[in-house]
C-alpha atoms as a PDB file:
ATOM      1  CA  MET A   1     -17.456  12.045  -1.757  1.00  0.00           C
ATOM      2  CA  PHE A   2     -17.092   8.860   0.249  1.00  0.00           C
ATOM      3  CA  HIS A   3     -19.821   7.411   2.437  1.00  0.00           C
ATOM      4  CA  PRO A   4     -19.910   5.398   5.667  1.00  0.00           C
ATOM      5  CA  GLY A   5     -18.839   1.826   4.959  1.00  0.00           C
ATOM      6  CA  ASP A   6     -16.641   2.729   1.966  1.00  0.00           C
ATOM      7  CA  MET A   7     -13.125   1.326   1.925  1.00  0.00           C
ATOM      8  CA  VAL A   8     -10.488   3.882   0.992  1.00  0.00           C
ATOM      9  CA  VAL A   9      -6.715   4.099   0.793  1.00  0.00           C
ATOM     10  CA  TYR A  10      -5.593   7.026   2.939  1.00  0.00           C
ATOM     11  CA  GLY A  11      -2.008   8.098   2.214  1.00  0.00           C
ATOM     12  CA  ALA A  12       0.672   5.974   3.887  1.00  0.00           C
ATOM     13  CA  THR A  13      -1.845   4.726   6.455  1.00  0.00           C
ATOM     14  CA  GLY A  14      -3.313   2.303   3.949  1.00  0.00           C
ATOM     15  CA  VAL A  15      -6.816   0.902   3.848  1.00  0.00           C
ATOM     16  CA  CYS A  16      -9.388   2.544   6.095  1.00  0.00           C
ATOM     17  CA  ARG A  17     -13.110   2.190   6.523  1.00  0.00           C
ATOM     18  CA  VAL A  18     -15.115   5.411   6.390  1.00  0.00           C
ATOM     19  CA  GLU A  19     -17.052   5.312   9.652  1.00  0.00           C
ATOM     20  CA  GLU A  20     -18.899   8.583   9.230  1.00  0.00           C
ATOM     21  CA  VAL A  21     -18.914  11.994   7.635  1.00  0.00           C
ATOM     22  CA  ALA A  22     -19.452  14.579  10.352  1.00  0.00           C
ATOM     23  CA  LYS A  23     -18.586  17.914  11.867  1.00  0.00           C
ATOM     24  CA  PRO A  24     -16.682  16.709  14.932  1.00  0.00           C
ATOM     25  CA  ASN A  25     -16.637  18.730  18.114  1.00  0.00           C
ATOM     26  CA  LEU A  26     -12.896  18.262  18.699  1.00  0.00           C
ATOM     27  CA  THR A  27     -10.200  20.725  19.659  1.00  0.00           C
ATOM     28  CA  GLY A  28      -8.139  21.689  16.637  1.00  0.00           C
ATOM     29  CA  THR A  29     -10.834  20.978  14.044  1.00  0.00           C
ATOM     30  CA  ASP A  30     -12.785  23.542  12.067  1.00  0.00           C
ATOM     31  CA  ARG A  31     -16.326  23.076  13.339  1.00  0.00           C
ATOM     32  CA  ASN A  32     -17.732  24.391  10.070  1.00  0.00           C
ATOM     33  CA  LYS A  33     -16.025  21.708   7.965  1.00  0.00           C
ATOM     34  CA  GLN A  34     -17.117  18.184   7.169  1.00  0.00           C
ATOM     35  CA  TYR A  35     -14.639  15.476   8.205  1.00  0.00           C
ATOM     36  CA  TYR A  36     -14.246  11.834   7.328  1.00  0.00           C
ATOM     37  CA  VAL A  37     -13.892   9.650  10.387  1.00  0.00           C
ATOM     38  CA  LEU A  38     -11.646   6.786   9.277  1.00  0.00           C
ATOM     39  CA  SER A  39     -10.748   3.509  10.971  1.00  0.00           C
ATOM     40  CA  PRO A  40      -7.486   2.031   9.670  1.00  0.00           C
ATOM     41  CA  LEU A  41      -7.877  -1.708   9.050  1.00  0.00           C
ATOM     42  CA  HIS A  42      -4.283  -2.723   9.754  1.00  0.00           C
ATOM     43  CA  GLN A  43      -3.391  -0.489  12.688  1.00  0.00           C
ATOM     44  CA  ASP A  44      -5.068   1.037  15.705  1.00  0.00           C
ATOM     45  CA  GLY A  45      -6.578   4.484  15.948  1.00  0.00           C
ATOM     46  CA  VAL A  46      -9.114   6.801  14.401  1.00  0.00           C
ATOM     47  CA  ILE A  47      -8.336   9.433  11.781  1.00  0.00           C
ATOM     48  CA  TYR A  48     -10.242  12.671  11.326  1.00  0.00           C
ATOM     49  CA  THR A  49      -9.526  14.260   7.964  1.00  0.00           C
ATOM     50  CA  PRO A  50     -11.320  17.113   6.215  1.00  0.00           C
ATOM     51  CA  VAL A  51     -13.460  16.005   3.301  1.00  0.00           C
ATOM     52  CA  ASP A  52     -11.613  18.549   1.154  1.00  0.00           C
ATOM     53  CA  ASN A  53      -8.113  17.506   2.341  1.00  0.00           C
ATOM     54  CA  GLU A  54      -5.660  18.033  -0.523  1.00  0.00           C
ATOM     55  CA  LYS A  55      -2.492  17.218   1.440  1.00  0.00           C
ATOM     56  CA  VAL A  56      -3.043  13.500   1.952  1.00  0.00           C
ATOM     57  CA  PRO A  57      -4.221  11.478  -1.046  1.00  0.00           C
ATOM     58  CA  MET A  58      -7.345   9.392  -0.533  1.00  0.00           C
ATOM     59  CA  ARG A  59      -8.886   7.119  -3.124  1.00  0.00           C
ATOM     60  CA  PRO A  60     -11.163   4.081  -3.328  1.00  0.00           C
ATOM     61  CA  VAL A  61      -9.623   0.626  -2.940  1.00  0.00           C
ATOM     62  CA  ILE A  62      -8.939  -0.992  -6.314  1.00  0.00           C
ATOM     63  CA  SER A  63     -11.442  -3.516  -7.638  1.00  0.00           C
ATOM     64  CA  ALA A  64     -10.911  -7.280  -7.642  1.00  0.00           C
ATOM     65  CA  GLU A  65     -10.403  -7.133 -11.414  1.00  0.00           C
ATOM     66  CA  GLU A  66      -7.738  -4.441 -11.058  1.00  0.00           C
ATOM     67  CA  ALA A  67      -6.021  -6.468  -8.316  1.00  0.00           C
ATOM     68  CA  GLU A  68      -5.981  -9.620 -10.472  1.00  0.00           C
ATOM     69  CA  ALA A  69      -4.652  -7.650 -13.455  1.00  0.00           C
ATOM     70  CA  LEU A  70      -1.894  -6.146 -11.290  1.00  0.00           C
ATOM     71  CA  ILE A  71      -0.853  -9.599 -10.053  1.00  0.00           C
ATOM     72  CA  ASP A  72      -0.789 -10.822 -13.674  1.00  0.00           C
ATOM     73  CA  LEU A  73       1.604  -7.946 -14.492  1.00  0.00           C
ATOM     74  CA  ILE A  74       4.056  -8.670 -11.661  1.00  0.00           C
ATOM     75  CA  PRO A  75       6.377 -10.923 -13.711  1.00  0.00           C
ATOM     76  CA  SER A  76       6.703  -8.240 -16.395  1.00  0.00           C
ATOM     77  CA  ILE A  77       7.371  -5.351 -14.000  1.00  0.00           C
ATOM     78  CA  GLN A  78      11.058  -4.523 -14.160  1.00  0.00           C
ATOM     79  CA  ALA A  79      12.658  -3.223 -11.010  1.00  0.00           C
ATOM     80  CA  ASP A  80      16.365  -2.774 -10.465  1.00  0.00           C
ATOM     81  CA  ALA A  81      17.917  -2.405  -7.039  1.00  0.00           C
ATOM     82  CA  CYS A  82      17.933   1.255  -6.068  1.00  0.00           C
ATOM     83  CA  ARG A  83      21.333   2.701  -5.338  1.00  0.00           C
ATOM     84  CA  ALA A  84      21.540   6.145  -3.803  1.00  0.00           C
ATOM     85  CA  PRO A  85      24.583   8.197  -2.810  1.00  0.00           C
ATOM     86  CA  THR A  86      23.268   8.747   0.729  1.00  0.00           C
ATOM     87  CA  LEU A  87      20.791   7.131   3.105  1.00  0.00           C
ATOM     88  CA  GLN A  88      18.743  10.327   2.986  1.00  0.00           C
ATOM     89  CA  ALA A  89      18.526  10.148  -0.813  1.00  0.00           C
ATOM     90  CA  LEU A  90      17.513   6.486  -0.568  1.00  0.00           C
ATOM     91  CA  ALA A  91      14.766   7.307   1.950  1.00  0.00           C
ATOM     92  CA  GLN A  92      13.523  10.161  -0.260  1.00  0.00           C
ATOM     93  CA  HIS A  93      13.390   7.807  -3.263  1.00  0.00           C
ATOM     94  CA  TYR A  94      11.265   5.332  -1.322  1.00  0.00           C
ATOM     95  CA  GLN A  95       9.066   8.061   0.180  1.00  0.00           C
ATOM     96  CA  SER A  96       8.164   9.340  -3.272  1.00  0.00           C
ATOM     97  CA  ALA A  97       7.018   5.858  -4.312  1.00  0.00           C
ATOM     98  CA  MET A  98       4.975   5.556  -1.103  1.00  0.00           C
ATOM     99  CA  ARG A  99       3.374   8.982  -1.630  1.00  0.00           C
ATOM    100  CA  SER A 100       2.028   8.019  -5.031  1.00  0.00           C
ATOM    101  CA  SER A 101      -0.358   5.550  -3.374  1.00  0.00           C
ATOM    102  CA  ASP A 102      -0.258   3.548  -6.609  1.00  0.00           C
ATOM    103  CA  CYS A 103      -0.206  -0.245  -6.344  1.00  0.00           C
ATOM    104  CA  ARG A 104       2.061  -0.665  -9.361  1.00  0.00           C
ATOM    105  CA  ASP A 105       4.608   1.729  -7.792  1.00  0.00           C
ATOM    106  CA  LEU A 106       4.472  -0.344  -4.611  1.00  0.00           C
ATOM    107  CA  VAL A 107       5.072  -3.557  -6.585  1.00  0.00           C
ATOM    108  CA  GLU A 108       8.065  -1.947  -8.311  1.00  0.00           C
ATOM    109  CA  MET A 109       9.435  -0.809  -4.969  1.00  0.00           C
ATOM    110  CA  VAL A 110       9.055  -4.230  -3.346  1.00  0.00           C
ATOM    111  CA  LYS A 111      10.624  -5.957  -6.347  1.00  0.00           C
ATOM    112  CA  SER A 112      13.468  -3.421  -6.330  1.00  0.00           C
ATOM    113  CA  ILE A 113      14.214  -4.020  -2.663  1.00  0.00           C
ATOM    114  CA  TYR A 114      13.998  -7.804  -3.105  1.00  0.00           C
ATOM    115  CA  ALA A 115      16.525  -7.510  -5.952  1.00  0.00           C
ATOM    116  CA  LYS A 116      18.789  -5.483  -3.680  1.00  0.00           C
ATOM    117  CA  ARG A 117      18.377  -8.076  -0.915  1.00  0.00           C
ATOM    118  CA  ARG A 118      19.468 -10.868  -3.261  1.00  0.00           C
ATOM    119  CA  GLN A 119      22.510  -8.859  -4.328  1.00  0.00           C
ATOM    120  CA  VAL A 120      23.700  -8.097  -0.808  1.00  0.00           C
ATOM    121  CA  GLU A 121      23.004 -11.627   0.450  1.00  0.00           C
ATOM    122  CA  SER A 122      25.099 -13.034  -2.394  1.00  0.00           C
ATOM    123  CA  GLN A 123      27.928 -10.917  -0.939  1.00  0.00           C
ATOM    124  CA  LYS A 124      27.230 -12.328   2.557  1.00  0.00           C
ATOM    125  CA  ARG A 125      25.870  -8.961   3.727  1.00  0.00           C
ATOM    126  CA  ARG A 126      22.556  -7.824   5.143  1.00  0.00           C
ATOM    127  CA  LEU A 127      20.013  -5.476   3.668  1.00  0.00           C
ATOM    128  CA  GLY A 128      20.148  -1.988   5.184  1.00  0.00           C
ATOM    129  CA  MET A 129      17.632  -0.723   7.731  1.00  0.00           C
ATOM    130  CA  ILE A 130      16.181   1.887   5.349  1.00  0.00           C
ATOM    131  CA  ASP A 131      15.512  -0.770   2.710  1.00  0.00           C
ATOM    132  CA  GLU A 132      13.980  -3.134   5.285  1.00  0.00           C
ATOM    133  CA  ARG A 133      11.733  -0.449   6.760  1.00  0.00           C
ATOM    134  CA  TYR A 134      10.381   0.737   3.414  1.00  0.00           C
ATOM    135  CA  MET A 135       9.919  -2.792   2.118  1.00  0.00           C
ATOM    136  CA  LYS A 136       7.768  -3.617   5.155  1.00  0.00           C
ATOM    137  CA  GLN A 137       5.741  -0.424   4.689  1.00  0.00           C
ATOM    138  CA  ALA A 138       5.246  -1.049   0.969  1.00  0.00           C
ATOM    139  CA  GLU A 139       4.211  -4.661   1.583  1.00  0.00           C
ATOM    140  CA  ARG A 140       1.793  -3.568   4.326  1.00  0.00           C
ATOM    141  CA  LEU A 141       0.155  -1.031   2.002  1.00  0.00           C
ATOM    142  CA  LEU A 142       0.088  -3.330  -1.023  1.00  0.00           C
ATOM    143  CA  TYR A 143      -1.067  -6.459   0.798  1.00  0.00           C
ATOM    144  CA  GLY A 144      -3.630  -4.471   2.776  1.00  0.00           C
ATOM    145  CA  GLU A 145      -5.258  -3.167  -0.373  1.00  0.00           C
ATOM    146  CA  LEU A 146      -5.074  -6.482  -2.222  1.00  0.00           C
ATOM    147  CA  SER A 147      -6.567  -8.224   0.806  1.00  0.00           C
ATOM    148  CA  ILE A 148      -9.660  -6.024   0.660  1.00  0.00           C
ATOM    149  CA  ALA A 149      -9.904  -6.045  -3.131  1.00  0.00           C
ATOM    150  CA  LEU A 150      -9.622  -9.841  -3.364  1.00  0.00           C
ATOM    151  CA  GLY A 151     -11.547 -10.642  -0.189  1.00  0.00           C
ATOM    152  CA  ILE A 152      -8.759 -12.734   1.339  1.00  0.00           C
ATOM    153  CA  PRO A 153      -7.059 -12.417   4.739  1.00  0.00           C
ATOM    154  CA  PHE A 154      -4.088 -10.031   4.887  1.00  0.00           C
ATOM    155  CA  ASP A 155      -1.679 -12.772   5.965  1.00  0.00           C
ATOM    156  CA  GLU A 156      -2.577 -14.909   2.916  1.00  0.00           C
ATOM    157  CA  VAL A 157      -1.961 -12.248   0.264  1.00  0.00           C
ATOM    158  CA  GLN A 158       1.755 -12.905  -0.220  1.00  0.00           C
ATOM    159  CA  ASN A 159       1.220 -16.651  -0.705  1.00  0.00           C
ATOM    160  CA  TYR A 160      -1.673 -15.954  -3.075  1.00  0.00           C
ATOM    161  CA  ILE A 161       0.575 -13.717  -5.200  1.00  0.00           C
ATOM    162  CA  VAL A 162       3.431 -16.232  -5.175  1.00  0.00           C
ATOM    163  CA  ARG A 163       1.092 -19.072  -6.196  1.00  0.00           C
ATOM    164  CA  ARG A 164      -0.449 -17.047  -8.998  1.00  0.00           C
ATOM    165  CA  VAL A 165       2.883 -15.794 -10.331  1.00  0.00           C
ATOM    166  CA  ASP A 166       4.611 -19.208 -10.063  1.00  0.00           C
ATOM    167  CA  GLN A 167       1.775 -21.033 -11.774  1.00  0.00           C
ATOM    168  CA  GLY A 168       1.044 -18.327 -14.313  1.00  0.00           C
ATOM    169  CA  VAL A 169      -2.645 -18.689 -13.502  1.00  0.00           C
ATOM    170  CA  PRO A 170      -4.799 -16.245 -15.457  1.00  0.00           C
ATOM    171  CA  ALA A 171      -6.872 -13.702 -13.550  1.00  0.00           C
ATOM    172  CA  GLY A 172     -10.129 -14.946 -12.118  1.00  0.00           C
ATOM    173  CA  SER A 173      -9.343 -18.653 -12.435  1.00  0.00           C
ATOM    174  CA  MET A 174      -7.935 -19.185  -8.965  1.00  0.00           C
ATOM    175  CA  ASN A 175     -10.098 -19.518  -5.897  1.00  0.00           C
ATOM    176  CA  ALA A 176      -9.190 -17.151  -3.094  1.00  0.00           C
END
């Protein structure tokens, strides 16, 4: 069970702070159930979700050590551009990666879409809207979690990753 102040990853919403665990007096909620009251860090709103919710995955934010290890793995993660016969199949492929709520899956997805972007740009074309939309979502989720885990501002995460990967700096030896 999570407690007020805990940072969690809640499905495709991303990182949220647990504000309280309560039995809210709201229409549409079971007044006999405990609910987490969540505040998303990178979007507006409040989320009420049952403590025993099995439909939307919720887990603790990864540790700083896990974040550093993931960044160290980025150069070795292989990701080919995803080709799908239809836009719907492409969206379903990306949705399954997003549903996993796993940072490594998000890295693979972002790398895959970047590879696709390079391919289409070399042909003087633009990346499709589905690819763009899911890349932004995956980056938002990944960078949001890494921001909290590493204690750095959200808008500095991408540069931090690029610096670490380009310099091959081992985990823990770079100041955030």
